[in-house]
Amino acid sequence: MEPDKKKIRIFTNKEYLLKEVISDYNSINKTDFIFVKYIHGEVNFAIIEFVNADLNQIFELGRMLGGTTEAVEKNISNPPSIFM
């Protein structure tokens, strides 16, 4: 029997950045977030699937994306650590 996959929506205009953050977050935290698709519309968002992640890890993924996006938009060469 296949485990129950859960889905979340992450609102972002930076699809490429989200993919990088998911890859980094998965390798550091041993989670299984999977980028499924990106939807362009009035509000752009991505669908992410996972099996083994808790609410705290979902929040941390969003925080990491937010910090990375801010660093890119402000052209910060040394963004704050994700472990803060």
C-alpha atoms as a PDB file:
ATOM      1  CA  MET A   1       0.000   0.000   0.000  1.00  0.00           C
ATOM      2  CA  GLU A   2       1.342   3.409  -0.985  1.00  0.00           C
ATOM      3  CA  PRO A   3       1.695   5.928   1.856  1.00  0.00           C
ATOM      4  CA  ASP A   4      -0.707   8.873   1.977  1.00  0.00           C
ATOM      5  CA  LYS A   5       0.745  11.833   0.122  1.00  0.00           C
ATOM      6  CA  LYS A   6      -0.165  15.246   1.415  1.00  0.00           C
ATOM      7  CA  LYS A   7      -0.198  18.414  -0.684  1.00  0.00           C
ATOM      8  CA  ILE A   8       0.462  22.028   0.159  1.00  0.00           C
ATOM      9  CA  ARG A   9       0.399  25.209  -1.891  1.00  0.00           C
ATOM     10  CA  ILE A  10       3.288  27.610  -1.654  1.00  0.00           C
ATOM     11  CA  PHE A  11       2.662  31.072  -3.012  1.00  0.00           C
ATOM     12  CA  THR A  12       5.710  32.466  -4.819  1.00  0.00           C
ATOM     13  CA  ASN A  13       6.737  34.264  -7.968  1.00  0.00           C
ATOM     14  CA  LYS A  14      10.128  32.557  -7.962  1.00  0.00           C
ATOM     15  CA  GLU A  15       9.612  29.003  -9.204  1.00  0.00           C
ATOM     16  CA  TYR A  16      13.334  28.341  -9.739  1.00  0.00           C
ATOM     17  CA  LEU A  17      14.145  29.519  -6.210  1.00  0.00           C
ATOM     18  CA  LEU A  18      11.509  27.271  -4.672  1.00  0.00           C
ATOM     19  CA  LYS A  19      12.992  24.253  -6.462  1.00  0.00           C
ATOM     20  CA  GLU A  20      16.454  25.095  -5.107  1.00  0.00           C
ATOM     21  CA  VAL A  21      15.153  25.660  -1.577  1.00  0.00           C
ATOM     22  CA  ILE A  22      13.258  22.349  -1.614  1.00  0.00           C
ATOM     23  CA  SER A  23      16.362  20.504  -2.777  1.00  0.00           C
ATOM     24  CA  ASP A  24      18.537  22.128  -0.110  1.00  0.00           C
ATOM     25  CA  TYR A  25      15.947  21.659   2.627  1.00  0.00           C
ATOM     26  CA  ASN A  26      15.439  17.977   1.764  1.00  0.00           C
ATOM     27  CA  SER A  27      19.169  17.243   1.794  1.00  0.00           C
ATOM     28  CA  ILE A  28      19.762  19.035   5.104  1.00  0.00           C
ATOM     29  CA  ASN A  29      16.657  17.813   6.957  1.00  0.00           C
ATOM     30  CA  LYS A  30      16.056  14.428   5.298  1.00  0.00           C
ATOM     31  CA  THR A  31      12.512  15.353   4.301  1.00  0.00           C
ATOM     32  CA  ASP A  32      10.679  14.288   1.162  1.00  0.00           C
ATOM     33  CA  PHE A  33       9.148  17.475  -0.275  1.00  0.00           C
ATOM     34  CA  ILE A  34       8.507  17.060  -4.002  1.00  0.00           C
ATOM     35  CA  PHE A  35       7.833  19.925  -6.400  1.00  0.00           C
ATOM     36  CA  VAL A  36       4.794  18.788  -8.432  1.00  0.00           C
ATOM     37  CA  LYS A  37       3.807  21.765 -10.552  1.00  0.00           C
ATOM     38  CA  TYR A  38       3.758  25.535 -10.780  1.00  0.00           C
ATOM     39  CA  ILE A  39       0.541  27.369 -11.566  1.00  0.00           C
ATOM     40  CA  HIS A  40       0.579  30.814 -13.174  1.00  0.00           C
ATOM     41  CA  GLY A  41      -2.440  33.003 -12.533  1.00  0.00           C
ATOM     42  CA  GLU A  42      -3.529  36.080 -10.656  1.00  0.00           C
ATOM     43  CA  VAL A  43      -1.618  34.536  -7.765  1.00  0.00           C
ATOM     44  CA  ASN A  44       1.288  32.260  -8.706  1.00  0.00           C
ATOM     45  CA  PHE A  45       1.816  29.170  -6.590  1.00  0.00           C
ATOM     46  CA  ALA A  46       3.358  25.731  -6.553  1.00  0.00           C
ATOM     47  CA  ILE A  47       1.951  22.396  -5.485  1.00  0.00           C
ATOM     48  CA  ILE A  48       4.286  20.459  -3.209  1.00  0.00           C
ATOM     49  CA  GLU A  49       3.741  16.852  -2.122  1.00  0.00           C
ATOM     50  CA  PHE A  50       5.215  15.052   0.870  1.00  0.00           C
ATOM     51  CA  VAL A  51       4.688  12.025   3.060  1.00  0.00           C
ATOM     52  CA  ASN A  52       7.075  12.450   5.967  1.00  0.00           C
ATOM     53  CA  ALA A  53       7.064  16.039   7.168  1.00  0.00           C
ATOM     54  CA  ASP A  54       5.439  17.713  10.120  1.00  0.00           C
ATOM     55  CA  LEU A  55       3.916  21.159  10.504  1.00  0.00           C
ATOM     56  CA  ASN A  56       7.163  22.589  11.869  1.00  0.00           C
ATOM     57  CA  GLN A  57       9.091  21.416   8.795  1.00  0.00           C
ATOM     58  CA  ILE A  58       6.482  22.937   6.485  1.00  0.00           C
ATOM     59  CA  PHE A  59       6.827  26.229   8.339  1.00  0.00           C
ATOM     60  CA  GLU A  60      10.648  26.037   8.178  1.00  0.00           C
ATOM     61  CA  LEU A  61      10.520  25.396   4.425  1.00  0.00           C
ATOM     62  CA  GLY A  62       8.384  28.511   3.982  1.00  0.00           C
ATOM     63  CA  ARG A  63      10.692  30.544   6.215  1.00  0.00           C
ATOM     64  CA  MET A  64      13.721  29.376   4.262  1.00  0.00           C
ATOM     65  CA  LEU A  65      12.020  30.300   0.980  1.00  0.00           C
ATOM     66  CA  GLY A  66      11.042  33.713   2.346  1.00  0.00           C
ATOM     67  CA  GLY A  67      14.559  34.487   3.562  1.00  0.00           C
ATOM     68  CA  THR A  68      16.152  33.291   0.346  1.00  0.00           C
ATOM     69  CA  THR A  69      13.683  35.277  -1.775  1.00  0.00           C
ATOM     70  CA  GLU A  70      14.359  38.425   0.249  1.00  0.00           C
ATOM     71  CA  ALA A  71      18.120  37.927  -0.117  1.00  0.00           C
ATOM     72  CA  VAL A  72      17.796  37.525  -3.893  1.00  0.00           C
ATOM     73  CA  GLU A  73      15.496  40.529  -4.265  1.00  0.00           C
ATOM     74  CA  LYS A  74      17.747  42.748  -2.137  1.00  0.00           C
ATOM     75  CA  ASN A  75      20.893  41.373  -3.768  1.00  0.00           C
ATOM     76  CA  ILE A  76      22.341  40.191  -0.440  1.00  0.00           C
ATOM     77  CA  SER A  77      25.455  38.134  -1.114  1.00  0.00           C
ATOM     78  CA  ASN A  78      25.533  36.439   2.310  1.00  0.00           C
ATOM     79  CA  PRO A  79      21.952  35.680   3.432  1.00  0.00           C
ATOM     80  CA  PRO A  80      21.237  34.709   7.043  1.00  0.00           C
ATOM     81  CA  SER A  81      21.609  31.077   7.998  1.00  0.00           C
ATOM     82  CA  ILE A  82      18.599  28.793   7.832  1.00  0.00           C
ATOM     83  CA  PHE A  83      19.574  27.555  11.289  1.00  0.00           C
ATOM     84  CA  MET A  84      18.847  30.892  13.029  1.00  0.00           C
END
